[in-house]
């Protein structure tokens, strides 16, 4: 099994919205990065 690890040097909030991971900086929550989550069937 392959595992992935996310490492951040700044405090961030992680959330899930519409099957996408949303990463937002705690200092400026308007700056967001979104990743599509692909799940095996």
PDB file of N, CA and C in Angstrom:
ATOM      1  N   UNK A   1       0.838  -1.179   0.000  1.00  0.00           N
ATOM      2  CA  UNK A   1       0.000   0.000   0.000  1.00  0.00           C
ATOM      3  C   UNK A   1       0.882   1.241   0.000  1.00  0.00           C
ATOM      4  N   UNK A   2       0.521   2.188  -0.835  1.00  0.00           N
ATOM      5  CA  UNK A   2       1.273   3.430  -0.956  1.00  0.00           C
ATOM      6  C   UNK A   2       0.605   4.510  -0.108  1.00  0.00           C
ATOM      7  N   UNK A   3       1.390   5.181   0.724  1.00  0.00           N
ATOM      8  CA  UNK A   3       0.850   6.238   1.586  1.00  0.00           C
ATOM      9  C   UNK A   3       1.443   7.572   1.177  1.00  0.00           C
ATOM     10  N   UNK A   4       0.659   8.612   1.342  1.00  0.00           N
ATOM     11  CA  UNK A   4       1.099   9.970   1.040  1.00  0.00           C
ATOM     12  C   UNK A   4       1.106  10.785   2.337  1.00  0.00           C
ATOM     13  N   UNK A   5       2.081  11.661   2.465  1.00  0.00           N
ATOM     14  CA  UNK A   5       2.189  12.503   3.649  1.00  0.00           C
ATOM     15  C   UNK A   5       2.245  13.961   3.222  1.00  0.00           C
ATOM     16  N   UNK A   6       1.448  14.797   3.881  1.00  0.00           N
ATOM     17  CA  UNK A   6       1.491  16.234   3.649  1.00  0.00           C
ATOM     18  C   UNK A   6       2.261  16.878   4.799  1.00  0.00           C
ATOM     19  N   UNK A   7       3.264  17.677   4.463  1.00  0.00           N
ATOM     20  CA  UNK A   7       4.059  18.369   5.468  1.00  0.00           C
ATOM     21  C   UNK A   7       3.989  19.861   5.161  1.00  0.00           C
ATOM     22  N   UNK A   8       3.613  20.647   6.160  1.00  0.00           N
ATOM     23  CA  UNK A   8       3.481  22.086   5.980  1.00  0.00           C
ATOM     24  C   UNK A   8       4.414  22.806   6.938  1.00  0.00           C
ATOM     25  N   UNK A   9       5.023  23.894   6.463  1.00  0.00           N
ATOM     26  CA  UNK A   9       5.874  24.695   7.349  1.00  0.00           C
ATOM     27  C   UNK A   9       5.085  25.837   7.987  1.00  0.00           C
ATOM     28  N   UNK A  10       3.887  26.131   7.466  1.00  0.00           N
ATOM     29  CA  UNK A  10       3.025  27.179   8.019  1.00  0.00           C
ATOM     30  C   UNK A  10       1.739  26.551   8.534  1.00  0.00           C
ATOM     31  N   UNK A  11       1.115  27.137   9.566  1.00  0.00           N
ATOM     32  CA  UNK A  11      -0.161  26.614  10.050  1.00  0.00           C
ATOM     33  C   UNK A  11      -1.244  26.729   8.973  1.00  0.00           C
ATOM     34  N   UNK A  12      -1.948  25.638   8.734  1.00  0.00           N
ATOM     35  CA  UNK A  12      -2.981  25.613   7.698  1.00  0.00           C
ATOM     36  C   UNK A  12      -4.206  24.865   8.179  1.00  0.00           C
ATOM     37  N   UNK A  13      -5.326  25.138   7.527  1.00  0.00           N
ATOM     38  CA  UNK A  13      -6.571  24.422   7.771  1.00  0.00           C
ATOM     39  C   UNK A  13      -6.826  23.491   6.588  1.00  0.00           C
ATOM     40  N   UNK A  14      -7.187  22.253   6.884  1.00  0.00           N
ATOM     41  CA  UNK A  14      -7.557  21.300   5.845  1.00  0.00           C
ATOM     42  C   UNK A  14      -9.048  21.040   5.950  1.00  0.00           C
ATOM     43  N   UNK A  15      -9.731  21.013   4.805  1.00  0.00           N
ATOM     44  CA  UNK A  15     -11.150  20.688   4.797  1.00  0.00           C
ATOM     45  C   UNK A  15     -11.474  19.941   3.513  1.00  0.00           C
ATOM     46  N   UNK A  16     -12.650  19.352   3.484  1.00  0.00           N
ATOM     47  CA  UNK A  16     -13.098  18.592   2.325  1.00  0.00           C
ATOM     48  C   UNK A  16     -14.383  19.227   1.810  1.00  0.00           C
ATOM     49  N   UNK A  17     -14.398  19.569   0.517  1.00  0.00           N
ATOM     50  CA  UNK A  17     -15.571  20.218  -0.074  1.00  0.00           C
ATOM     51  C   UNK A  17     -15.752  19.677  -1.484  1.00  0.00           C
ATOM     52  N   UNK A  18     -16.917  19.127  -1.774  1.00  0.00           N
ATOM     53  CA  UNK A  18     -17.230  18.586  -3.105  1.00  0.00           C
ATOM     54  C   UNK A  18     -16.180  17.572  -3.562  1.00  0.00           C
ATOM     55  N   UNK A  19     -15.799  16.667  -2.685  1.00  0.00           N
ATOM     56  CA  UNK A  19     -14.807  15.624  -2.944  1.00  0.00           C
ATOM     57  C   UNK A  19     -13.453  16.211  -3.335  1.00  0.00           C
ATOM     58  N   UNK A  20     -13.139  17.391  -2.792  1.00  0.00           N
ATOM     59  CA  UNK A  20     -11.850  18.018  -3.027  1.00  0.00           C
ATOM     60  C   UNK A  20     -11.260  18.445  -1.695  1.00  0.00           C
ATOM     61  N   UNK A  21      -9.942  18.300  -1.568  1.00  0.00           N
ATOM     62  CA  UNK A  21      -9.249  18.769  -0.376  1.00  0.00           C
ATOM     63  C   UNK A  21      -8.974  20.254  -0.557  1.00  0.00           C
ATOM     64  N   UNK A  22      -9.347  21.053   0.434  1.00  0.00           N
ATOM     65  CA  UNK A  22      -9.116  22.496   0.401  1.00  0.00           C
ATOM     66  C   UNK A  22      -8.106  22.827   1.485  1.00  0.00           C
ATOM     67  N   UNK A  23      -7.010  23.474   1.101  1.00  0.00           N
ATOM     68  CA  UNK A  23      -5.964  23.878   2.031  1.00  0.00           C
ATOM     69  C   UNK A  23      -5.977  25.395   2.104  1.00  0.00           C
ATOM     70  N   UNK A  24      -6.122  25.944   3.309  1.00  0.00           N
ATOM     71  CA  UNK A  24      -6.152  27.398   3.498  1.00  0.00           C
ATOM     72  C   UNK A  24      -5.161  27.784   4.583  1.00  0.00           C
ATOM     73  N   UNK A  25      -4.436  28.884   4.359  1.00  0.00           N
ATOM     74  CA  UNK A  25      -3.530  29.411   5.374  1.00  0.00           C
ATOM     75  C   UNK A  25      -4.341  29.977   6.524  1.00  0.00           C
ATOM     76  N   UNK A  26      -3.909  29.745   7.765  1.00  0.00           N
ATOM     77  CA  UNK A  26      -4.618  30.306   8.921  1.00  0.00           C
ATOM     78  C   UNK A  26      -4.465  31.819   8.979  1.00  0.00           C
ATOM     79  N   UNK A  27      -3.317  32.345   8.505  1.00  0.00           N
ATOM     80  CA  UNK A  27      -3.082  33.791   8.528  1.00  0.00           C
ATOM     81  C   UNK A  27      -3.951  34.526   7.512  1.00  0.00           C
ATOM     82  N   UNK A  28      -4.176  33.928   6.336  1.00  0.00           N
ATOM     83  CA  UNK A  28      -4.997  34.560   5.294  1.00  0.00           C
ATOM     84  C   UNK A  28      -5.915  33.501   4.685  1.00  0.00           C
ATOM     85  N   UNK A  29      -7.085  33.293   5.277  1.00  0.00           N
ATOM     86  CA  UNK A  29      -7.988  32.223   4.833  1.00  0.00           C
ATOM     87  C   UNK A  29      -8.547  32.410   3.421  1.00  0.00           C
ATOM     88  N   UNK A  30      -8.368  33.616   2.834  1.00  0.00           N
ATOM     89  CA  UNK A  30      -8.843  33.819   1.467  1.00  0.00           C
ATOM     90  C   UNK A  30      -7.949  33.119   0.446  1.00  0.00           C
ATOM     91  N   UNK A  31      -6.686  32.878   0.803  1.00  0.00           N
ATOM     92  CA  UNK A  31      -5.772  32.151  -0.079  1.00  0.00           C
ATOM     93  C   UNK A  31      -6.009  30.659   0.111  1.00  0.00           C
ATOM     94  N   UNK A  32      -6.510  29.987  -0.930  1.00  0.00           N
ATOM     95  CA  UNK A  32      -6.827  28.566  -0.829  1.00  0.00           C
ATOM     96  C   UNK A  32      -6.239  27.803  -2.001  1.00  0.00           C
ATOM     97  N   UNK A  33      -5.890  26.558  -1.751  1.00  0.00           N
ATOM     98  CA  UNK A  33      -5.442  25.630  -2.782  1.00  0.00           C
ATOM     99  C   UNK A  33      -6.371  24.428  -2.720  1.00  0.00           C
ATOM    100  N   UNK A  34      -6.826  23.959  -3.881  1.00  0.00           N
ATOM    101  CA  UNK A  34      -7.779  22.848  -3.925  1.00  0.00           C
ATOM    102  C   UNK A  34      -7.188  21.699  -4.726  1.00  0.00           C
ATOM    103  N   UNK A  35      -7.368  20.472  -4.215  1.00  0.00           N
ATOM    104  CA  UNK A  35      -6.915  19.260  -4.884  1.00  0.00           C
ATOM    105  C   UNK A  35      -8.082  18.307  -5.069  1.00  0.00           C
ATOM    106  N   UNK A  36      -8.158  17.699  -6.222  1.00  0.00           N
ATOM    107  CA  UNK A  36      -9.186  16.696  -6.488  1.00  0.00           C
ATOM    108  C   UNK A  36      -8.807  15.395  -5.805  1.00  0.00           C
ATOM    109  N   UNK A  37      -9.774  14.746  -5.161  1.00  0.00           N
ATOM    110  CA  UNK A  37      -9.536  13.490  -4.462  1.00  0.00           C
ATOM    111  C   UNK A  37     -10.038  12.359  -5.365  1.00  0.00           C
ATOM    112  N   UNK A  38      -9.130  11.484  -5.763  1.00  0.00           N
ATOM    113  CA  UNK A  38      -9.489  10.338  -6.584  1.00  0.00           C
ATOM    114  C   UNK A  38      -9.445   9.089  -5.727  1.00  0.00           C
ATOM    115  N   UNK A  39     -10.563   8.436  -5.590  1.00  0.00           N
ATOM    116  CA  UNK A  39     -10.656   7.223  -4.780  1.00  0.00           C
ATOM    117  C   UNK A  39     -10.757   6.012  -5.684  1.00  0.00           C
ATOM    118  N   UNK A  40     -10.010   4.940  -5.389  1.00  0.00           N
ATOM    119  CA  UNK A  40     -10.117   3.722  -6.211  1.00  0.00           C
ATOM    120  C   UNK A  40     -11.470   3.067  -6.021  1.00  0.00           C
ATOM    121  N   UNK A  41     -11.954   2.460  -7.072  1.00  0.00           N
ATOM    122  CA  UNK A  41     -13.258   1.774  -6.991  1.00  0.00           C
ATOM    123  C   UNK A  41     -13.072   0.298  -6.821  1.00  0.00           C
TER     124      UNK A  41
END
